[in-house]
PDB file of N, CA and C in Angstrom:
ATOM      1  N   MET A   1       0.726  -1.191  -0.020  1.00  0.00           N
ATOM      2  CA  MET A   1       0.131   0.157  -0.174  1.00  0.00           C
ATOM      3  C   MET A   1       0.948   1.223   0.022  1.00  0.00           C
ATOM      4  N   TYR A   2       0.889   1.980  -0.927  1.00  0.00           N
ATOM      5  CA  TYR A   2       1.324   3.440  -1.272  1.00  0.00           C
ATOM      6  C   TYR A   2       1.223   4.250  -0.081  1.00  0.00           C
ATOM      7  N   LEU A   3       0.367   4.249   0.830  1.00  0.00           N
ATOM      8  CA  LEU A   3      -0.086   5.498   1.531  1.00  0.00           C
ATOM      9  C   LEU A   3      -0.814   4.525   3.115  1.00  0.00           C
ATOM     10  N   ASP A   4       0.471   4.413   3.986  1.00  0.00           N
ATOM     11  CA  ASP A   4       0.055   3.847   5.237  1.00  0.00           C
ATOM     12  C   ASP A   4      -0.159   4.572   6.259  1.00  0.00           C
ATOM     13  N   ALA A   5      -0.299   4.565   7.583  1.00  0.00           N
ATOM     14  CA  ALA A   5      -0.456   5.306   8.569  1.00  0.00           C
ATOM     15  C   ALA A   5       0.617   5.903   8.893  1.00  0.00           C
ATOM     16  N   ALA A   6       1.773   5.292   9.156  1.00  0.00           N
ATOM     17  CA  ALA A   6       3.115   6.143   9.218  1.00  0.00           C
ATOM     18  C   ALA A   6       3.523   7.086   8.047  1.00  0.00           C
ATOM     19  N   LYS A   7       3.271   6.872   6.886  1.00  0.00           N
ATOM     20  CA  LYS A   7       3.169   7.817   6.005  1.00  0.00           C
ATOM     21  C   LYS A   7       2.227   9.299   6.049  1.00  0.00           C
ATOM     22  N   LYS A   8       0.907   8.702   6.345  1.00  0.00           N
ATOM     23  CA  LYS A   8      -0.034   9.810   6.791  1.00  0.00           C
ATOM     24  C   LYS A   8       0.316  10.921   7.788  1.00  0.00           C
ATOM     25  N   GLN A   9       0.958   9.884   9.164  1.00  0.00           N
ATOM     26  CA  GLN A   9       1.630  10.636   9.939  1.00  0.00           C
ATOM     27  C   GLN A   9       2.730  11.522   9.953  1.00  0.00           C
ATOM     28  N   GLU A  10       3.559  11.521   9.030  1.00  0.00           N
ATOM     29  CA  GLU A  10       4.687  12.160   8.754  1.00  0.00           C
ATOM     30  C   GLU A  10       4.032  13.377   7.992  1.00  0.00           C
ATOM     31  N   ILE A  11       3.376  13.096   6.877  1.00  0.00           N
ATOM     32  CA  ILE A  11       2.688  14.517   6.655  1.00  0.00           C
ATOM     33  C   ILE A  11       2.257  15.140   7.166  1.00  0.00           C
ATOM     34  N   PHE A  12       1.177  14.776   8.098  1.00  0.00           N
ATOM     35  CA  PHE A  12       0.592  15.715   9.393  1.00  0.00           C
ATOM     36  C   PHE A  12       1.656  16.297  10.336  1.00  0.00           C
ATOM     37  N   GLU A  13       2.595  15.830  10.455  1.00  0.00           N
ATOM     38  CA  GLU A  13       3.665  16.293  11.459  1.00  0.00           C
ATOM     39  C   GLU A  13       4.158  17.364  10.818  1.00  0.00           C
ATOM     40  N   LYS A  14       4.643  17.256   9.517  1.00  0.00           N
ATOM     41  CA  LYS A  14       5.646  18.357   8.749  1.00  0.00           C
ATOM     42  C   LYS A  14       4.628  19.310   8.238  1.00  0.00           C
ATOM     43  N   TYR A  15       3.622  19.144   7.877  1.00  0.00           N
ATOM     44  CA  TYR A  15       2.395  20.343   7.397  1.00  0.00           C
ATOM     45  C   TYR A  15       1.480  20.687   8.338  1.00  0.00           C
ATOM     46  N   GLY A  16       1.165  19.994   8.965  1.00  0.00           N
ATOM     47  CA  GLY A  16      -0.065  20.344  10.189  1.00  0.00           C
ATOM     48  C   GLY A  16       0.522  21.022  11.505  1.00  0.00           C
ATOM     49  N   LYS A  17      -0.519  21.586  12.129  1.00  0.00           N
ATOM     50  CA  LYS A  17       0.058  22.124  13.572  1.00  0.00           C
ATOM     51  C   LYS A  17       0.658  21.162  14.497  1.00  0.00           C
ATOM     52  N   SER A  18       0.360  20.212  14.489  1.00  0.00           N
ATOM     53  CA  SER A  18       0.714  18.936  15.416  1.00  0.00           C
ATOM     54  C   SER A  18       0.544  17.486  14.508  1.00  0.00           C
ATOM     55  N   ASN A  19       1.168  16.509  14.943  1.00  0.00           N
ATOM     56  CA  ASN A  19       0.979  15.014  14.165  1.00  0.00           C
ATOM     57  C   ASN A  19      -0.697  14.693  14.670  1.00  0.00           C
ATOM     58  N   THR A  20      -1.213  14.983  15.149  1.00  0.00           N
ATOM     59  CA  THR A  20      -2.776  14.747  15.321  1.00  0.00           C
ATOM     60  C   THR A  20      -3.680  15.666  14.568  1.00  0.00           C
ATOM     61  N   ASP A  21      -3.111  16.832  14.055  1.00  0.00           N
ATOM     62  CA  ASP A  21      -3.904  17.783  13.218  1.00  0.00           C
ATOM     63  C   ASP A  21      -4.243  17.385  11.518  1.00  0.00           C
ATOM     64  N   THR A  22      -5.528  16.717  11.725  1.00  0.00           N
ATOM     65  CA  THR A  22      -5.609  16.076  10.355  1.00  0.00           C
ATOM     66  C   THR A  22      -6.556  16.928   9.376  1.00  0.00           C
ATOM     67  N   GLY A  23      -7.201  18.004  10.094  1.00  0.00           N
ATOM     68  CA  GLY A  23      -8.383  18.807   9.715  1.00  0.00           C
ATOM     69  C   GLY A  23      -7.985  20.022   9.012  1.00  0.00           C
ATOM     70  N   SER A  24      -6.579  20.545   9.248  1.00  0.00           N
ATOM     71  CA  SER A  24      -6.244  21.980   8.671  1.00  0.00           C
ATOM     72  C   SER A  24      -5.896  21.856   7.314  1.00  0.00           C
ATOM     73  N   ALA A  25      -6.339  22.892   6.615  1.00  0.00           N
ATOM     74  CA  ALA A  25      -6.277  23.068   5.524  1.00  0.00           C
ATOM     75  C   ALA A  25      -4.955  22.806   4.762  1.00  0.00           C
ATOM     76  N   GLU A  26      -3.960  23.129   5.369  1.00  0.00           N
ATOM     77  CA  GLU A  26      -2.323  22.812   5.023  1.00  0.00           C
ATOM     78  C   GLU A  26      -2.275  21.266   5.234  1.00  0.00           C
ATOM     79  N   ALA A  27      -2.850  20.597   6.191  1.00  0.00           N
ATOM     80  CA  ALA A  27      -2.324  19.182   6.113  1.00  0.00           C
ATOM     81  C   ALA A  27      -2.992  18.317   4.977  1.00  0.00           C
ATOM     82  N   GLN A  28      -4.246  18.805   4.856  1.00  0.00           N
ATOM     83  CA  GLN A  28      -5.051  18.268   3.773  1.00  0.00           C
ATOM     84  C   GLN A  28      -4.437  18.260   2.613  1.00  0.00           C
ATOM     85  N   ILE A  29      -3.977  19.669   2.237  1.00  0.00           N
ATOM     86  CA  ILE A  29      -3.555  20.043   1.020  1.00  0.00           C
ATOM     87  C   ILE A  29      -2.117  19.116   0.276  1.00  0.00           C
ATOM     88  N   ALA A  30      -1.318  18.929   1.591  1.00  0.00           N
ATOM     89  CA  ALA A  30      -0.047  18.162   1.791  1.00  0.00           C
ATOM     90  C   ALA A  30      -0.639  16.834   1.558  1.00  0.00           C
ATOM     91  N   LEU A  31      -1.666  16.225   1.844  1.00  0.00           N
ATOM     92  CA  LEU A  31      -1.858  14.605   1.797  1.00  0.00           C
ATOM     93  C   LEU A  31      -2.416  14.508   0.346  1.00  0.00           C
ATOM     94  N   PHE A  32      -3.326  15.644   0.051  1.00  0.00           N
ATOM     95  CA  PHE A  32      -4.073  15.276  -1.629  1.00  0.00           C
ATOM     96  C   PHE A  32      -2.555  15.591  -2.449  1.00  0.00           C
ATOM     97  N   SER A  33      -1.383  16.255  -2.176  1.00  0.00           N
ATOM     98  CA  SER A  33      -0.808  16.676  -2.995  1.00  0.00           C
ATOM     99  C   SER A  33       0.130  15.225  -3.308  1.00  0.00           C
ATOM    100  N   TYR A  34       0.408  14.622  -2.267  1.00  0.00           N
ATOM    101  CA  TYR A  34       0.891  13.349  -1.911  1.00  0.00           C
ATOM    102  C   TYR A  34       0.414  12.387  -3.286  1.00  0.00           C
ATOM    103  N   ARG A  35      -0.792  12.504  -2.875  1.00  0.00           N
ATOM    104  CA  ARG A  35      -1.944  11.229  -3.243  1.00  0.00           C
ATOM    105  C   ARG A  35      -1.884  11.725  -4.912  1.00  0.00           C
ATOM    106  N   ILE A  36      -1.767  13.107  -5.262  1.00  0.00           N
ATOM    107  CA  ILE A  36      -1.721  13.524  -6.901  1.00  0.00           C
ATOM    108  C   ILE A  36      -0.281  12.902  -7.541  1.00  0.00           C
ATOM    109  N   SER A  37       0.733  13.154  -6.901  1.00  0.00           N
ATOM    110  CA  SER A  37       1.822  12.596  -7.448  1.00  0.00           C
ATOM    111  C   SER A  37       1.961  11.292  -7.555  1.00  0.00           C
ATOM    112  N   HIS A  38       1.244  10.468  -6.719  1.00  0.00           N
ATOM    113  CA  HIS A  38       1.274   8.968  -6.735  1.00  0.00           C
ATOM    114  C   HIS A  38       0.321   8.577  -8.172  1.00  0.00           C
ATOM    115  N   LEU A  39      -0.791   9.328  -8.141  1.00  0.00           N
ATOM    116  CA  LEU A  39      -1.614   8.754  -9.014  1.00  0.00           C
ATOM    117  C   LEU A  39      -0.901   9.259 -10.492  1.00  0.00           C
ATOM    118  N   THR A  40      -0.615  10.371 -10.558  1.00  0.00           N
ATOM    119  CA  THR A  40       0.310  10.807 -11.638  1.00  0.00           C
ATOM    120  C   THR A  40       1.347   9.799 -12.269  1.00  0.00           C
ATOM    121  N   GLU A  41       2.095   9.385 -11.377  1.00  0.00           N
ATOM    122  CA  GLU A  41       3.107   8.268 -11.668  1.00  0.00           C
ATOM    123  C   GLU A  41       2.500   7.053 -12.297  1.00  0.00           C
ATOM    124  N   HIS A  42       1.594   6.551 -11.484  1.00  0.00           N
ATOM    125  CA  HIS A  42       0.730   5.386 -12.060  1.00  0.00           C
ATOM    126  C   HIS A  42       0.103   5.570 -13.266  1.00  0.00           C
ATOM    127  N   LEU A  43      -0.342   6.788 -13.872  1.00  0.00           N
ATOM    128  CA  LEU A  43      -1.018   7.063 -14.991  1.00  0.00           C
ATOM    129  C   LEU A  43       0.018   7.139 -16.322  1.00  0.00           C
ATOM    130  N   LYS A  44       1.102   7.450 -15.845  1.00  0.00           N
ATOM    131  CA  LYS A  44       2.219   7.470 -16.806  1.00  0.00           C
ATOM    132  C   LYS A  44       2.536   6.076 -17.294  1.00  0.00           C
ATOM    133  N   LEU A  45       2.359   4.997 -16.441  1.00  0.00           N
ATOM    134  CA  LEU A  45       2.521   3.719 -16.733  1.00  0.00           C
ATOM    135  C   LEU A  45       1.202   3.174 -17.580  1.00  0.00           C
ATOM    136  N   HIS A  46       0.101   3.179 -16.999  1.00  0.00           N
ATOM    137  CA  HIS A  46      -1.195   2.920 -17.485  1.00  0.00           C
ATOM    138  C   HIS A  46      -2.094   4.119 -18.010  1.00  0.00           C
ATOM    139  N   LYS A  47      -1.815   4.359 -19.086  1.00  0.00           N
ATOM    140  CA  LYS A  47      -2.404   5.182 -20.072  1.00  0.00           C
ATOM    141  C   LYS A  47      -3.807   5.128 -19.959  1.00  0.00           C
ATOM    142  N   LYS A  48      -4.601   4.133 -20.064  1.00  0.00           N
ATOM    143  CA  LYS A  48      -5.744   3.823 -20.278  1.00  0.00           C
ATOM    144  C   LYS A  48      -6.690   3.477 -19.015  1.00  0.00           C
ATOM    145  N   ASP A  49      -5.997   3.866 -17.967  1.00  0.00           N
ATOM    146  CA  ASP A  49      -6.586   3.598 -16.737  1.00  0.00           C
ATOM    147  C   ASP A  49      -7.775   4.848 -16.406  1.00  0.00           C
ATOM    148  N   TYR A  50      -8.794   5.019 -16.795  1.00  0.00           N
ATOM    149  CA  TYR A  50      -9.648   6.147 -16.825  1.00  0.00           C
ATOM    150  C   TYR A  50     -10.490   6.284 -15.750  1.00  0.00           C
ATOM    151  N   THR A  51     -10.622   5.182 -14.759  1.00  0.00           N
ATOM    152  CA  THR A  51     -11.018   5.500 -13.590  1.00  0.00           C
ATOM    153  C   THR A  51     -10.122   6.414 -12.638  1.00  0.00           C
ATOM    154  N   THR A  52      -8.879   6.061 -12.535  1.00  0.00           N
ATOM    155  CA  THR A  52      -7.830   6.659 -11.960  1.00  0.00           C
ATOM    156  C   THR A  52      -7.654   8.089 -12.540  1.00  0.00           C
ATOM    157  N   ALA A  53      -7.928   8.101 -13.647  1.00  0.00           N
ATOM    158  CA  ALA A  53      -7.771   9.595 -14.317  1.00  0.00           C
ATOM    159  C   ALA A  53      -8.906  10.854 -13.887  1.00  0.00           C
ATOM    160  N   ARG A  54     -10.025   9.804 -13.639  1.00  0.00           N
ATOM    161  CA  ARG A  54     -11.230  10.624 -12.781  1.00  0.00           C
ATOM    162  C   ARG A  54     -10.950  11.042 -11.609  1.00  0.00           C
ATOM    163  N   SER A  55     -10.395   9.899 -11.172  1.00  0.00           N
ATOM    164  CA  SER A  55     -10.010  10.386  -9.427  1.00  0.00           C
ATOM    165  C   SER A  55      -8.986  11.197  -9.173  1.00  0.00           C
ATOM    166  N   LEU A  56      -8.044  11.098 -10.167  1.00  0.00           N
ATOM    167  CA  LEU A  56      -7.056  12.343 -10.039  1.00  0.00           C
ATOM    168  C   LEU A  56      -7.651  13.579 -10.442  1.00  0.00           C
ATOM    169  N   THR A  57      -8.390  13.944 -11.307  1.00  0.00           N
ATOM    170  CA  THR A  57      -9.302  15.076 -11.470  1.00  0.00           C
ATOM    171  C   THR A  57     -10.123  15.548 -10.483  1.00  0.00           C
ATOM    172  N   LYS A  58     -10.664  14.524  -9.936  1.00  0.00           N
ATOM    173  CA  LYS A  58     -11.502  15.222  -8.465  1.00  0.00           C
ATOM    174  C   LYS A  58     -10.462  15.454  -7.425  1.00  0.00           C
ATOM    175  N   LEU A  59      -9.394  14.856  -7.414  1.00  0.00           N
ATOM    176  CA  LEU A  59      -8.595  15.343  -6.347  1.00  0.00           C
ATOM    177  C   LEU A  59      -7.921  16.563  -6.520  1.00  0.00           C
ATOM    178  N   VAL A  60      -7.360  16.794  -7.660  1.00  0.00           N
ATOM    179  CA  VAL A  60      -6.817  18.181  -8.017  1.00  0.00           C
ATOM    180  C   VAL A  60      -7.831  19.370  -8.088  1.00  0.00           C
ATOM    181  N   GLY A  61      -9.181  18.950  -7.952  1.00  0.00           N
ATOM    182  CA  GLY A  61     -10.314  19.873  -7.774  1.00  0.00           C
ATOM    183  C   GLY A  61     -10.464  20.346  -6.464  1.00  0.00           C
ATOM    184  N   LYS A  62     -10.325  19.159  -5.532  1.00  0.00           N
ATOM    185  CA  LYS A  62     -10.660  19.232  -4.077  1.00  0.00           C
ATOM    186  C   LYS A  62      -9.339  19.938  -3.638  1.00  0.00           C
ATOM    187  N   ARG A  63      -8.297  19.723  -4.135  1.00  0.00           N
ATOM    188  CA  ARG A  63      -6.863  20.817  -3.736  1.00  0.00           C
ATOM    189  C   ARG A  63      -7.063  22.079  -3.769  1.00  0.00           C
ATOM    190  N   ARG A  64      -7.557  22.046  -5.179  1.00  0.00           N
ATOM    191  CA  ARG A  64      -7.801  23.618  -5.480  1.00  0.00           C
ATOM    192  C   ARG A  64      -8.835  24.225  -5.017  1.00  0.00           C
ATOM    193  N   ALA A  65      -9.777  23.515  -4.683  1.00  0.00           N
ATOM    194  CA  ALA A  65     -11.115  24.449  -3.692  1.00  0.00           C
ATOM    195  C   ALA A  65     -10.484  24.766  -2.174  1.00  0.00           C
ATOM    196  N   LEU A  66      -9.831  23.883  -1.607  1.00  0.00           N
ATOM    197  CA  LEU A  66      -8.876  23.954  -0.306  1.00  0.00           C
ATOM    198  C   LEU A  66      -8.005  25.326  -0.398  1.00  0.00           C
ATOM    199  N   LEU A  67      -7.069  25.289  -1.638  1.00  0.00           N
ATOM    200  CA  LEU A  67      -5.992  26.221  -1.786  1.00  0.00           C
ATOM    201  C   LEU A  67      -6.990  27.665  -1.778  1.00  0.00           C
ATOM    202  N   ASN A  68      -8.038  27.793  -2.712  1.00  0.00           N
ATOM    203  CA  ASN A  68      -8.864  28.982  -2.907  1.00  0.00           C
ATOM    204  C   ASN A  68      -9.220  29.322  -1.686  1.00  0.00           C
ATOM    205  N   TYR A  69      -9.859  28.480  -0.852  1.00  0.00           N
ATOM    206  CA  TYR A  69     -10.414  28.800   0.753  1.00  0.00           C
ATOM    207  C   TYR A  69      -9.377  29.323   1.450  1.00  0.00           C
ATOM    208  N   LEU A  70      -7.957  28.959   1.361  1.00  0.00           N
ATOM    209  CA  LEU A  70      -6.860  29.186   2.353  1.00  0.00           C
ATOM    210  C   LEU A  70      -6.585  30.586   1.660  1.00  0.00           C
ATOM    211  N   LYS A  71      -6.597  30.850   0.415  1.00  0.00           N
ATOM    212  CA  LYS A  71      -5.983  32.068  -0.185  1.00  0.00           C
ATOM    213  C   LYS A  71      -7.111  33.579   0.193  1.00  0.00           C
ATOM    214  N   ASP A  72      -8.298  33.023   0.423  1.00  0.00           N
ATOM    215  CA  ASP A  72      -9.564  33.965   0.670  1.00  0.00           C
ATOM    216  C   ASP A  72      -9.267  34.235   2.312  1.00  0.00           C
ATOM    217  N   ARG A  73      -9.030  33.193   3.220  1.00  0.00           N
ATOM    218  CA  ARG A  73      -8.880  33.291   4.795  1.00  0.00           C
ATOM    219  C   ARG A  73      -7.371  34.205   5.062  1.00  0.00           C
ATOM    220  N   ASP A  74      -6.362  33.478   4.492  1.00  0.00           N
ATOM    221  CA  ASP A  74      -5.165  33.972   4.903  1.00  0.00           C
ATOM    222  C   ASP A  74      -4.211  33.720   4.035  1.00  0.00           C
ATOM    223  N   ILE A  75      -3.850  34.770   3.157  1.00  0.00           N
ATOM    224  CA  ILE A  75      -2.649  34.698   2.114  1.00  0.00           C
ATOM    225  C   ILE A  75      -1.480  34.356   2.726  1.00  0.00           C
ATOM    226  N   GLU A  76      -1.037  34.755   3.774  1.00  0.00           N
ATOM    227  CA  GLU A  76       0.183  34.284   4.230  1.00  0.00           C
ATOM    228  C   GLU A  76       0.424  32.744   4.451  1.00  0.00           C
ATOM    229  N   ARG A  77      -0.450  31.823   4.879  1.00  0.00           N
ATOM    230  CA  ARG A  77      -0.484  30.723   5.095  1.00  0.00           C
ATOM    231  C   ARG A  77      -0.681  30.009   3.749  1.00  0.00           C
ATOM    232  N   TYR A  78      -1.595  30.606   2.781  1.00  0.00           N
ATOM    233  CA  TYR A  78      -1.607  30.085   1.063  1.00  0.00           C
ATOM    234  C   TYR A  78      -0.146  30.184   0.614  1.00  0.00           C
ATOM    235  N   ARG A  79       0.503  31.329   0.744  1.00  0.00           N
ATOM    236  CA  ARG A  79       1.662  31.313  -0.102  1.00  0.00           C
ATOM    237  C   ARG A  79       2.763  30.595   0.754  1.00  0.00           C
ATOM    238  N   ALA A  80       2.410  30.236   2.111  1.00  0.00           N
ATOM    239  CA  ALA A  80       3.551  29.176   2.817  1.00  0.00           C
ATOM    240  C   ALA A  80       3.520  27.709   2.205  1.00  0.00           C
ATOM    241  N   ILE A  81       2.079  27.415   2.243  1.00  0.00           N
ATOM    242  CA  ILE A  81       2.151  26.025   1.698  1.00  0.00           C
ATOM    243  C   ILE A  81       2.351  25.675   0.410  1.00  0.00           C
ATOM    244  N   VAL A  82       2.184  26.946  -0.526  1.00  0.00           N
ATOM    245  CA  VAL A  82       2.289  26.590  -2.094  1.00  0.00           C
ATOM    246  C   VAL A  82       3.607  26.707  -2.173  1.00  0.00           C
ATOM    247  N   LYS A  83       4.587  27.175  -1.376  1.00  0.00           N
ATOM    248  CA  LYS A  83       5.891  27.590  -1.770  1.00  0.00           C
ATOM    249  C   LYS A  83       6.668  26.180  -0.784  1.00  0.00           C
ATOM    250  N   ALA A  84       6.364  25.558   0.057  1.00  0.00           N
ATOM    251  CA  ALA A  84       6.460  24.302   0.731  1.00  0.00           C
ATOM    252  C   ALA A  84       6.384  23.200  -0.154  1.00  0.00           C
ATOM    253  N   LEU A  85       5.163  23.168  -1.075  1.00  0.00           N
ATOM    254  CA  LEU A  85       4.836  21.671  -1.793  1.00  0.00           C
ATOM    255  C   LEU A  85       5.486  22.240  -3.000  1.00  0.00           C
ATOM    256  N   GLY A  86       5.878  23.405  -3.295  1.00  0.00           N
ATOM    257  CA  GLY A  86       6.321  23.736  -4.675  1.00  0.00           C
ATOM    258  C   GLY A  86       5.078  23.455  -6.105  1.00  0.00           C
ATOM    259  N   LEU A  87       3.874  24.101  -5.501  1.00  0.00           N
ATOM    260  CA  LEU A  87       2.794  24.124  -6.094  1.00  0.00           C
ATOM    261  C   LEU A  87       2.969  25.502  -7.193  1.00  0.00           C
ATOM    262  N   ARG A  88       2.361  25.417  -8.572  1.00  0.00           N
ATOM    263  CA  ARG A  88       2.578  26.657  -9.124  1.00  0.00           C
ATOM    264  C   ARG A  88       1.082  27.295  -8.759  1.00  0.00           C
ATOM    265  N   LYS A  89       1.122  28.617  -9.327  1.00  0.00           N
ATOM    266  CA  LYS A  89       0.175  29.507  -9.222  1.00  0.00           C
ATOM    267  C   LYS A  89       0.290  30.596  -8.128  1.00  0.00           C
TER     268      LYS A  89
END
């Protein structure tokens, strides 16, 4: 399994307020980014996996919605997470 509990915990420790902080926008964006990168690598090998392609599109939309929310609420937190994850925009 590509995303086990230990990997999630590591992501939440790095980007969340604490290791149990699973609900903050930054933690969710970081988790979505990890999943998006994994699905992107999968689709490079399996080009006709349309179900995964749809899931990837939905995940990108969810991440974009969270980024827009964060941008509206606190621009400094938005800039910090975009820089930390190396996202465009």
